[in-house]
Amino acid sequence: MLIAGPTASGKSALAMEIATRLGGPVVNADALQVYGDWRVLTARPSTADEATLPHALYGHIPGHQPYSVGDWLRELEPLLAGPPPVIVGGTGLYFTALTEGLADIPSTPETIRLEAIRRMTDEGLDALLAELDPETAARIDRQNPMRVQRAWEVLRTTGRGLASWQEETPRPLLRIEDAQPLVMEAPKDWLNPRIEARFDIMLEAGALEEARMNEGAWHEGLPSAKAIGAAELVAHVRGEMSREEAREAAVTATRQYAKRQRSWFRSRMKAWRQIDARS
């Protein structure tokens, strides 16, 4: 069972309900929930949830360690041979790599990754976009800094565009025909108030305490620094933003993230069965 959906759409609760009936684990398909340093802020399952049902690939990676979709597929593969898992998350790339295959692209050297981070910080998204090959630039999500940075790193490392590598994609681990794929439809007018309410719950549940614990080692180049709201809460802890300013900025960033998720699902997951998140 595959369950995709935007942030705050209720997909984790649905996954637990289905996993209880199927008897298999709940497996994470969210690129930020793999990191161990932001449990509350990334809405990872609670310790109570994890005690109730087996969960896999949550919070097992240190925040400073890069983790790619290829890493996720390698860790997921043995889980497909056991009790039927319920794979749930909001990272569309994970699901498309699982069901459509993933190109075997060489890993990025640390020096190039650091160069990409520095240039993204100093020059911005458009500078890296301008250097991509036309085919890749036309294919990727140009509004997503992580995708643009990854495409630039591939071109810089290999001399070939990401689109060229993707043309050599091997067969997928799980064909869509052999799965039960669900994607949750969450209209903006229904989802946005849930995003705001959930962020307030996160603040009450300890998101600020997480920010204080992470602040000393935090910088925007950390893989886990992409957690939505992390930059804003750390800025508040450092006295650079008021609590309300940080809250408003984080809620806005979450809404923008949900919009990107919905766009991916509409464009890349048309064959998936759509279910109404409101029901």
C-alpha atoms as a PDB file:
ATOM      1  CA  MET A   1       0.000   0.000   0.000  1.00  0.00           C
ATOM      2  CA  LEU A   2       1.307   3.429  -0.997  1.00  0.00           C
ATOM      3  CA  ILE A   3      -0.168   6.608   0.502  1.00  0.00           C
ATOM      4  CA  ALA A   4       0.978   9.999  -0.732  1.00  0.00           C
ATOM      5  CA  GLY A   5      -0.377  13.347   0.322  1.00  0.00           C
ATOM      6  CA  PRO A   6       0.535  16.920   1.159  1.00  0.00           C
ATOM      7  CA  THR A   7       1.654  17.939   4.606  1.00  0.00           C
ATOM      8  CA  ALA A   8      -1.094  18.077   7.276  1.00  0.00           C
ATOM      9  CA  SER A   9      -3.545  16.075   5.145  1.00  0.00           C
ATOM     10  CA  GLY A  10      -3.927  13.230   7.664  1.00  0.00           C
ATOM     11  CA  LYS A  11      -2.034  10.585   5.708  1.00  0.00           C
ATOM     12  CA  SER A  12      -0.100   9.243   8.725  1.00  0.00           C
ATOM     13  CA  ALA A  13      -3.293   8.473  10.637  1.00  0.00           C
ATOM     14  CA  LEU A  14      -4.701   6.698   7.595  1.00  0.00           C
ATOM     15  CA  ALA A  15      -1.480   4.712   7.216  1.00  0.00           C
ATOM     16  CA  MET A  16      -1.644   3.513  10.818  1.00  0.00           C
ATOM     17  CA  GLU A  17      -5.271   2.486  10.398  1.00  0.00           C
ATOM     18  CA  ILE A  18      -4.487   0.441   7.291  1.00  0.00           C
ATOM     19  CA  ALA A  19      -1.271  -1.042   8.731  1.00  0.00           C
ATOM     20  CA  THR A  20      -3.219  -2.260  11.754  1.00  0.00           C
ATOM     21  CA  ARG A  21      -5.469  -4.260   9.416  1.00  0.00           C
ATOM     22  CA  LEU A  22      -2.680  -5.523   7.131  1.00  0.00           C
ATOM     23  CA  GLY A  23      -0.240  -6.463   9.889  1.00  0.00           C
ATOM     24  CA  GLY A  24       2.806  -4.857   8.269  1.00  0.00           C
ATOM     25  CA  PRO A  25       4.989  -1.876   9.195  1.00  0.00           C
ATOM     26  CA  VAL A  26       4.433   1.785   8.467  1.00  0.00           C
ATOM     27  CA  VAL A  27       7.363   2.889   6.285  1.00  0.00           C
ATOM     28  CA  ASN A  28       8.415   6.483   5.851  1.00  0.00           C
ATOM     29  CA  ALA A  29       8.473   8.137   2.424  1.00  0.00           C
ATOM     30  CA  ASP A  30       9.241  11.667   3.596  1.00  0.00           C
ATOM     31  CA  ALA A  31      12.712  13.057   2.886  1.00  0.00           C
ATOM     32  CA  LEU A  32      12.786  15.131   6.077  1.00  0.00           C
ATOM     33  CA  GLN A  33      11.353  12.598   8.506  1.00  0.00           C
ATOM     34  CA  VAL A  34      14.420  10.405   8.051  1.00  0.00           C
ATOM     35  CA  TYR A  35      16.434  12.833  10.195  1.00  0.00           C
ATOM     36  CA  GLY A  36      16.722  12.392  13.926  1.00  0.00           C
ATOM     37  CA  ASP A  37      17.004  16.019  15.010  1.00  0.00           C
ATOM     38  CA  TRP A  38      13.510  17.341  14.185  1.00  0.00           C
ATOM     39  CA  ARG A  39      10.864  14.886  15.419  1.00  0.00           C
ATOM     40  CA  VAL A  40       8.222  17.453  16.340  1.00  0.00           C
ATOM     41  CA  LEU A  41       8.834  19.934  13.530  1.00  0.00           C
ATOM     42  CA  THR A  42       8.694  17.285  10.780  1.00  0.00           C
ATOM     43  CA  ALA A  43       5.606  15.627  12.336  1.00  0.00           C
ATOM     44  CA  ARG A  44       7.298  12.268  12.722  1.00  0.00           C
ATOM     45  CA  PRO A  45       5.201   9.578  14.427  1.00  0.00           C
ATOM     46  CA  SER A  46       5.167   9.923  18.197  1.00  0.00           C
ATOM     47  CA  THR A  47       6.895   7.458  20.477  1.00  0.00           C
ATOM     48  CA  ALA A  48       3.423   6.177  21.390  1.00  0.00           C
ATOM     49  CA  ASP A  49       2.631   5.523  17.722  1.00  0.00           C
ATOM     50  CA  GLU A  50       5.937   3.727  17.267  1.00  0.00           C
ATOM     51  CA  ALA A  51       5.187   1.577  20.309  1.00  0.00           C
ATOM     52  CA  THR A  52       1.774   0.667  18.891  1.00  0.00           C
ATOM     53  CA  LEU A  53       2.912  -0.428  15.417  1.00  0.00           C
ATOM     54  CA  PRO A  54       6.263  -1.182  13.763  1.00  0.00           C
ATOM     55  CA  HIS A  55       7.650   1.889  11.978  1.00  0.00           C
ATOM     56  CA  ALA A  56      10.667   1.970   9.660  1.00  0.00           C
ATOM     57  CA  LEU A  57      12.998   4.596   8.154  1.00  0.00           C
ATOM     58  CA  TYR A  58      11.998   7.335  10.580  1.00  0.00           C
ATOM     59  CA  GLY A  59      14.532   9.482  12.414  1.00  0.00           C
ATOM     60  CA  HIS A  60      17.449   7.118  11.813  1.00  0.00           C
ATOM     61  CA  ILE A  61      19.810   9.508   9.991  1.00  0.00           C
ATOM     62  CA  PRO A  62      21.940  12.186  11.746  1.00  0.00           C
ATOM     63  CA  GLY A  63      21.027  15.698  10.649  1.00  0.00           C
ATOM     64  CA  HIS A  64      24.474  16.366   9.165  1.00  0.00           C
ATOM     65  CA  GLN A  65      24.494  13.275   6.925  1.00  0.00           C
ATOM     66  CA  PRO A  66      23.282  13.555   3.311  1.00  0.00           C
ATOM     67  CA  TYR A  67      20.551  11.062   2.427  1.00  0.00           C
ATOM     68  CA  SER A  68      19.394  10.573  -1.144  1.00  0.00           C
ATOM     69  CA  VAL A  69      16.432   8.911  -2.780  1.00  0.00           C
ATOM     70  CA  GLY A  70      18.876   6.163  -3.794  1.00  0.00           C
ATOM     71  CA  ASP A  71      19.739   5.625  -0.111  1.00  0.00           C
ATOM     72  CA  TRP A  72      16.032   5.381   0.660  1.00  0.00           C
ATOM     73  CA  LEU A  73      15.416   2.815  -2.065  1.00  0.00           C
ATOM     74  CA  ARG A  74      18.307   0.664  -0.849  1.00  0.00           C
ATOM     75  CA  GLU A  75      16.928   0.675   2.701  1.00  0.00           C
ATOM     76  CA  LEU A  76      13.377   0.095   1.517  1.00  0.00           C
ATOM     77  CA  GLU A  77      14.077  -2.907  -0.721  1.00  0.00           C
ATOM     78  CA  PRO A  78      14.399  -5.569   2.016  1.00  0.00           C
ATOM     79  CA  LEU A  79      11.212  -4.280   3.656  1.00  0.00           C
ATOM     80  CA  LEU A  80       9.256  -5.138   0.500  1.00  0.00           C
ATOM     81  CA  ALA A  81      10.036  -8.824   1.052  1.00  0.00           C
ATOM     82  CA  GLY A  82       8.425  -8.967   4.509  1.00  0.00           C
ATOM     83  CA  PRO A  83       4.874  -8.364   5.773  1.00  0.00           C
ATOM     84  CA  PRO A  84       3.066  -5.949   3.447  1.00  0.00           C
ATOM     85  CA  PRO A  85       4.246  -2.433   4.340  1.00  0.00           C
ATOM     86  CA  VAL A  86       2.207   0.739   4.212  1.00  0.00           C
ATOM     87  CA  ILE A  87       4.556   3.282   2.652  1.00  0.00           C
ATOM     88  CA  VAL A  88       3.443   6.810   3.483  1.00  0.00           C
ATOM     89  CA  GLY A  89       4.827  10.265   2.943  1.00  0.00           C
ATOM     90  CA  GLY A  90       4.811  13.516   1.072  1.00  0.00           C
ATOM     91  CA  THR A  91       7.994  13.272  -0.993  1.00  0.00           C
ATOM     92  CA  GLY A  92       6.734  12.645  -4.503  1.00  0.00           C
ATOM     93  CA  LEU A  93      10.213  11.882  -5.820  1.00  0.00           C
ATOM     94  CA  TYR A  94      10.491   8.893  -3.467  1.00  0.00           C
ATOM     95  CA  PHE A  95       7.274   7.413  -4.803  1.00  0.00           C
ATOM     96  CA  THR A  96       8.079   7.995  -8.467  1.00  0.00           C
ATOM     97  CA  ALA A  97      11.579   6.533  -7.989  1.00  0.00           C
ATOM     98  CA  LEU A  98      10.019   3.495  -6.321  1.00  0.00           C
ATOM     99  CA  THR A  99       7.401   2.877  -9.022  1.00  0.00           C
ATOM    100  CA  GLU A 100       9.188   4.235 -12.119  1.00  0.00           C
ATOM    101  CA  GLY A 101      12.843   3.505 -11.350  1.00  0.00           C
ATOM    102  CA  LEU A 102      15.847   5.667 -10.497  1.00  0.00           C
ATOM    103  CA  ALA A 103      18.868   6.500 -12.620  1.00  0.00           C
ATOM    104  CA  ASP A 104      22.190   5.287 -11.195  1.00  0.00           C
ATOM    105  CA  ILE A 105      23.859   8.695 -10.876  1.00  0.00           C
ATOM    106  CA  PRO A 106      27.311   8.920  -9.252  1.00  0.00           C
ATOM    107  CA  SER A 107      27.342  10.495  -5.800  1.00  0.00           C
ATOM    108  CA  THR A 108      28.295  14.148  -5.430  1.00  0.00           C
ATOM    109  CA  PRO A 109      31.719  14.881  -3.888  1.00  0.00           C
ATOM    110  CA  GLU A 110      31.553  16.930  -0.708  1.00  0.00           C
ATOM    111  CA  THR A 111      33.551  19.755  -2.290  1.00  0.00           C
ATOM    112  CA  ILE A 112      30.955  20.194  -5.030  1.00  0.00           C
ATOM    113  CA  ARG A 113      28.068  19.976  -2.577  1.00  0.00           C
ATOM    114  CA  LEU A 114      29.635  22.718  -0.461  1.00  0.00           C
ATOM    115  CA  GLU A 115      30.203  24.823  -3.574  1.00  0.00           C
ATOM    116  CA  ALA A 116      26.534  24.408  -4.490  1.00  0.00           C
ATOM    117  CA  ILE A 117      25.417  25.436  -1.005  1.00  0.00           C
ATOM    118  CA  ARG A 118      27.707  28.469  -1.018  1.00  0.00           C
ATOM    119  CA  ARG A 119      26.507  29.613  -4.426  1.00  0.00           C
ATOM    120  CA  MET A 120      22.870  29.036  -3.532  1.00  0.00           C
ATOM    121  CA  THR A 121      23.375  31.218  -0.451  1.00  0.00           C
ATOM    122  CA  ASP A 122      25.425  33.953  -2.128  1.00  0.00           C
ATOM    123  CA  GLU A 123      23.920  34.071  -5.624  1.00  0.00           C
ATOM    124  CA  GLY A 124      20.505  32.488  -5.276  1.00  0.00           C
ATOM    125  CA  LEU A 125      18.443  29.943  -7.182  1.00  0.00           C
ATOM    126  CA  ASP A 126      18.531  31.681 -10.560  1.00  0.00           C
ATOM    127  CA  ALA A 127      22.329  31.538 -10.786  1.00  0.00           C
ATOM    128  CA  LEU A 128      22.333  27.744 -10.607  1.00  0.00           C
ATOM    129  CA  LEU A 129      19.302  27.457 -12.887  1.00  0.00           C
ATOM    130  CA  ALA A 130      21.060  29.515 -15.554  1.00  0.00           C
ATOM    131  CA  GLU A 131      23.876  26.947 -15.750  1.00  0.00           C
ATOM    132  CA  LEU A 132      21.694  23.852 -16.186  1.00  0.00           C
ATOM    133  CA  ASP A 133      21.335  22.164 -19.546  1.00  0.00           C
ATOM    134  CA  PRO A 134      18.058  23.145 -21.269  1.00  0.00           C
ATOM    135  CA  GLU A 135      16.485  19.678 -21.095  1.00  0.00           C
ATOM    136  CA  THR A 136      17.008  19.401 -17.335  1.00  0.00           C
ATOM    137  CA  ALA A 137      15.937  22.989 -16.718  1.00  0.00           C
ATOM    138  CA  ALA A 138      12.675  22.313 -18.558  1.00  0.00           C
ATOM    139  CA  ARG A 139      11.957  19.118 -16.621  1.00  0.00           C
ATOM    140  CA  ILE A 140      12.680  19.875 -12.957  1.00  0.00           C
ATOM    141  CA  ASP A 141      10.644  21.863 -10.450  1.00  0.00           C
ATOM    142  CA  ARG A 142      12.321  25.251 -10.920  1.00  0.00           C
ATOM    143  CA  GLN A 143      10.817  26.627  -7.710  1.00  0.00           C
ATOM    144  CA  ASN A 144      12.314  23.896  -5.511  1.00  0.00           C
ATOM    145  CA  PRO A 145      15.823  24.831  -4.299  1.00  0.00           C
ATOM    146  CA  MET A 146      16.680  21.229  -3.387  1.00  0.00           C
ATOM    147  CA  ARG A 147      15.845  19.969  -6.885  1.00  0.00           C
ATOM    148  CA  VAL A 148      17.743  22.802  -8.595  1.00  0.00           C
ATOM    149  CA  GLN A 149      20.782  22.274  -6.390  1.00  0.00           C
ATOM    150  CA  ARG A 150      20.734  18.524  -7.025  1.00  0.00           C
ATOM    151  CA  ALA A 151      20.519  19.040 -10.808  1.00  0.00           C
ATOM    152  CA  TRP A 152      23.424  21.495 -10.713  1.00  0.00           C
ATOM    153  CA  GLU A 153      25.515  19.105  -8.612  1.00  0.00           C
ATOM    154  CA  VAL A 154      24.918  16.253 -11.077  1.00  0.00           C
ATOM    155  CA  LEU A 155      25.960  18.376 -14.044  1.00  0.00           C
ATOM    156  CA  ARG A 156      29.024  19.711 -12.208  1.00  0.00           C
ATOM    157  CA  THR A 157      30.066  16.227 -11.045  1.00  0.00           C
ATOM    158  CA  THR A 158      29.452  14.181 -14.176  1.00  0.00           C
ATOM    159  CA  GLY A 159      29.426  16.646 -17.049  1.00  0.00           C
ATOM    160  CA  ARG A 160      25.999  15.295 -18.017  1.00  0.00           C
ATOM    161  CA  GLY A 161      22.619  16.802 -17.296  1.00  0.00           C
ATOM    162  CA  LEU A 162      20.218  15.142 -14.882  1.00  0.00           C
ATOM    163  CA  ALA A 163      17.725  14.603 -17.702  1.00  0.00           C
ATOM    164  CA  SER A 164      20.324  12.634 -19.660  1.00  0.00           C
ATOM    165  CA  TRP A 165      20.958  10.349 -16.686  1.00  0.00           C
ATOM    166  CA  GLN A 166      17.228   9.859 -16.187  1.00  0.00           C
ATOM    167  CA  GLU A 167      16.895   8.520 -19.712  1.00  0.00           C
ATOM    168  CA  GLU A 168      18.888   5.457 -18.531  1.00  0.00           C
ATOM    169  CA  THR A 169      16.545   4.638 -15.680  1.00  0.00           C
ATOM    170  CA  PRO A 170      16.446   0.912 -14.762  1.00  0.00           C
ATOM    171  CA  ARG A 171      13.265  -1.029 -13.937  1.00  0.00           C
ATOM    172  CA  PRO A 172      11.527   0.004 -10.699  1.00  0.00           C
ATOM    173  CA  LEU A 173      11.583  -1.851  -7.396  1.00  0.00           C
ATOM    174  CA  LEU A 174       7.776  -1.885  -7.361  1.00  0.00           C
ATOM    175  CA  ARG A 175       5.668  -1.518 -10.470  1.00  0.00           C
ATOM    176  CA  ILE A 176       2.633   0.676 -10.024  1.00  0.00           C
ATOM    177  CA  GLU A 177       0.512  -2.210 -11.364  1.00  0.00           C
ATOM    178  CA  ASP A 178       1.628  -4.362  -8.428  1.00  0.00           C
ATOM    179  CA  ALA A 179       0.825  -1.773  -5.773  1.00  0.00           C
ATOM    180  CA  GLN A 180      -2.237  -0.123  -4.277  1.00  0.00           C
ATOM    181  CA  PRO A 181      -1.387   3.563  -4.775  1.00  0.00           C
ATOM    182  CA  LEU A 182      -3.458   6.261  -3.083  1.00  0.00           C
ATOM    183  CA  VAL A 183      -2.903  10.002  -3.270  1.00  0.00           C
ATOM    184  CA  MET A 184      -4.824  12.267  -0.922  1.00  0.00           C
ATOM    185  CA  GLU A 185      -6.599  15.224  -2.475  1.00  0.00           C
ATOM    186  CA  ALA A 186      -6.528  18.160  -0.049  1.00  0.00           C
ATOM    187  CA  PRO A 187      -8.100  21.394  -1.333  1.00  0.00           C
ATOM    188  CA  LYS A 188      -6.169  24.526  -0.393  1.00  0.00           C
ATOM    189  CA  ASP A 189      -9.086  26.140   1.455  1.00  0.00           C
ATOM    190  CA  TRP A 190      -9.404  23.043   3.651  1.00  0.00           C
ATOM    191  CA  LEU A 191      -5.691  22.364   4.076  1.00  0.00           C
ATOM    192  CA  ASN A 192      -4.375  25.837   4.912  1.00  0.00           C
ATOM    193  CA  PRO A 193      -6.236  26.191   8.227  1.00  0.00           C
ATOM    194  CA  ARG A 194      -5.024  22.697   9.183  1.00  0.00           C
ATOM    195  CA  ILE A 195      -1.443  23.713   8.434  1.00  0.00           C
ATOM    196  CA  GLU A 196      -1.762  26.747  10.703  1.00  0.00           C
ATOM    197  CA  ALA A 197      -3.426  24.788  13.497  1.00  0.00           C
ATOM    198  CA  ARG A 198      -0.870  21.996  13.282  1.00  0.00           C
ATOM    199  CA  PHE A 199       2.034  24.406  13.544  1.00  0.00           C
ATOM    200  CA  ASP A 200       0.539  25.828  16.724  1.00  0.00           C
ATOM    201  CA  ILE A 201       0.271  22.270  18.058  1.00  0.00           C
ATOM    202  CA  MET A 202       3.928  21.720  17.153  1.00  0.00           C
ATOM    203  CA  LEU A 203       4.920  24.817  19.116  1.00  0.00           C
ATOM    204  CA  GLU A 204       3.000  23.541  22.129  1.00  0.00           C
ATOM    205  CA  ALA A 205       4.512  20.066  21.712  1.00  0.00           C
ATOM    206  CA  GLY A 206       8.125  21.243  21.845  1.00  0.00           C
ATOM    207  CA  ALA A 207       9.185  22.552  18.413  1.00  0.00           C
ATOM    208  CA  LEU A 208      10.851  25.561  20.036  1.00  0.00           C
ATOM    209  CA  GLU A 209      12.718  23.289  22.434  1.00  0.00           C
ATOM    210  CA  GLU A 210      13.941  21.319  19.420  1.00  0.00           C
ATOM    211  CA  ALA A 211      15.140  24.553  17.850  1.00  0.00           C
ATOM    212  CA  ARG A 212      17.047  25.453  21.008  1.00  0.00           C
ATOM    213  CA  MET A 213      18.692  22.023  21.080  1.00  0.00           C
ATOM    214  CA  ASN A 214      19.690  22.255  17.403  1.00  0.00           C
ATOM    215  CA  GLU A 215      20.645  25.931  17.310  1.00  0.00           C
ATOM    216  CA  GLY A 216      24.281  25.513  18.344  1.00  0.00           C
ATOM    217  CA  ALA A 217      25.206  23.290  15.392  1.00  0.00           C
ATOM    218  CA  TRP A 218      22.575  24.546  12.963  1.00  0.00           C
ATOM    219  CA  HIS A 219      23.443  26.092   9.615  1.00  0.00           C
ATOM    220  CA  GLU A 220      21.465  26.261   6.409  1.00  0.00           C
ATOM    221  CA  GLY A 221      23.783  23.814   4.627  1.00  0.00           C
ATOM    222  CA  LEU A 222      22.818  20.900   6.889  1.00  0.00           C
ATOM    223  CA  PRO A 223      20.706  18.290   5.078  1.00  0.00           C
ATOM    224  CA  SER A 224      18.116  18.416   7.884  1.00  0.00           C
ATOM    225  CA  ALA A 225      18.007  22.232   7.774  1.00  0.00           C
ATOM    226  CA  LYS A 226      15.433  21.913   4.972  1.00  0.00           C
ATOM    227  CA  ALA A 227      12.841  20.957   7.606  1.00  0.00           C
ATOM    228  CA  ILE A 228      10.003  23.418   7.052  1.00  0.00           C
ATOM    229  CA  GLY A 229      10.075  26.022   9.826  1.00  0.00           C
ATOM    230  CA  ALA A 230      13.558  25.151  11.083  1.00  0.00           C
ATOM    231  CA  ALA A 231      15.216  28.328   9.790  1.00  0.00           C
ATOM    232  CA  GLU A 232      12.464  30.492  11.241  1.00  0.00           C
ATOM    233  CA  LEU A 233      12.477  28.899  14.686  1.00  0.00           C
ATOM    234  CA  VAL A 234      16.267  28.989  14.881  1.00  0.00           C
ATOM    235  CA  ALA A 235      16.141  32.668  13.910  1.00  0.00           C
ATOM    236  CA  HIS A 236      13.725  33.261  16.789  1.00  0.00           C
ATOM    237  CA  VAL A 237      15.957  31.388  19.231  1.00  0.00           C
ATOM    238  CA  ARG A 238      18.859  33.570  18.090  1.00  0.00           C
ATOM    239  CA  GLY A 239      16.856  36.728  18.689  1.00  0.00           C
ATOM    240  CA  GLU A 240      16.548  37.574  14.997  1.00  0.00           C
ATOM    241  CA  MET A 241      12.762  37.198  14.836  1.00  0.00           C
ATOM    242  CA  SER A 242       9.892  37.490  17.255  1.00  0.00           C
ATOM    243  CA  ARG A 243       7.956  34.340  18.055  1.00  0.00           C
ATOM    244  CA  GLU A 244       4.969  35.547  16.048  1.00  0.00           C
ATOM    245  CA  GLU A 245       7.137  36.535  13.073  1.00  0.00           C
ATOM    246  CA  ALA A 246       8.750  33.090  13.105  1.00  0.00           C
ATOM    247  CA  ARG A 247       5.350  31.431  13.340  1.00  0.00           C
ATOM    248  CA  GLU A 248       3.889  33.411  10.444  1.00  0.00           C
ATOM    249  CA  ALA A 249       6.937  32.812   8.230  1.00  0.00           C
ATOM    250  CA  ALA A 250       6.946  29.085   8.998  1.00  0.00           C
ATOM    251  CA  VAL A 251       3.233  28.728   8.270  1.00  0.00           C
ATOM    252  CA  THR A 252       3.694  30.559   4.965  1.00  0.00           C
ATOM    253  CA  ALA A 253       6.622  28.302   4.043  1.00  0.00           C
ATOM    254  CA  THR A 254       4.538  25.227   4.880  1.00  0.00           C
ATOM    255  CA  ARG A 255       1.685  26.397   2.673  1.00  0.00           C
ATOM    256  CA  GLN A 256       4.132  26.956  -0.184  1.00  0.00           C
ATOM    257  CA  TYR A 257       5.571  23.475   0.366  1.00  0.00           C
ATOM    258  CA  ALA A 258       2.090  21.940   0.281  1.00  0.00           C
ATOM    259  CA  LYS A 259       1.425  23.750  -2.996  1.00  0.00           C
ATOM    260  CA  ARG A 260       4.578  22.228  -4.513  1.00  0.00           C
ATOM    261  CA  GLN A 261       3.533  18.802  -3.259  1.00  0.00           C
ATOM    262  CA  ARG A 262       0.085  19.084  -4.830  1.00  0.00           C
ATOM    263  CA  SER A 263       1.651  20.193  -8.121  1.00  0.00           C
ATOM    264  CA  TRP A 264       3.937  17.145  -8.144  1.00  0.00           C
ATOM    265  CA  PHE A 265       1.081  14.759  -7.391  1.00  0.00           C
ATOM    266  CA  ARG A 266      -1.063  16.238 -10.160  1.00  0.00           C
ATOM    267  CA  SER A 267       1.689  16.128 -12.773  1.00  0.00           C
ATOM    268  CA  ARG A 268       3.526  12.898 -11.890  1.00  0.00           C
ATOM    269  CA  MET A 269       0.967  10.655 -10.171  1.00  0.00           C
ATOM    270  CA  LYS A 270      -2.014  10.757 -12.493  1.00  0.00           C
ATOM    271  CA  ALA A 271      -2.367   6.973 -12.442  1.00  0.00           C
ATOM    272  CA  TRP A 272      -2.807   6.896  -8.654  1.00  0.00           C
ATOM    273  CA  ARG A 273      -6.235   6.520  -7.103  1.00  0.00           C
ATOM    274  CA  GLN A 274      -7.296   9.838  -5.616  1.00  0.00           C
ATOM    275  CA  ILE A 275      -9.082   9.955  -2.268  1.00  0.00           C
ATOM    276  CA  ASP A 276     -10.592  12.978  -0.573  1.00  0.00           C
ATOM    277  CA  ALA A 277      -8.612  13.877   2.552  1.00  0.00           C
ATOM    278  CA  ARG A 278     -11.727  15.512   4.011  1.00  0.00           C
ATOM    279  CA  SER A 279     -13.652  12.221   4.190  1.00  0.00           C
END
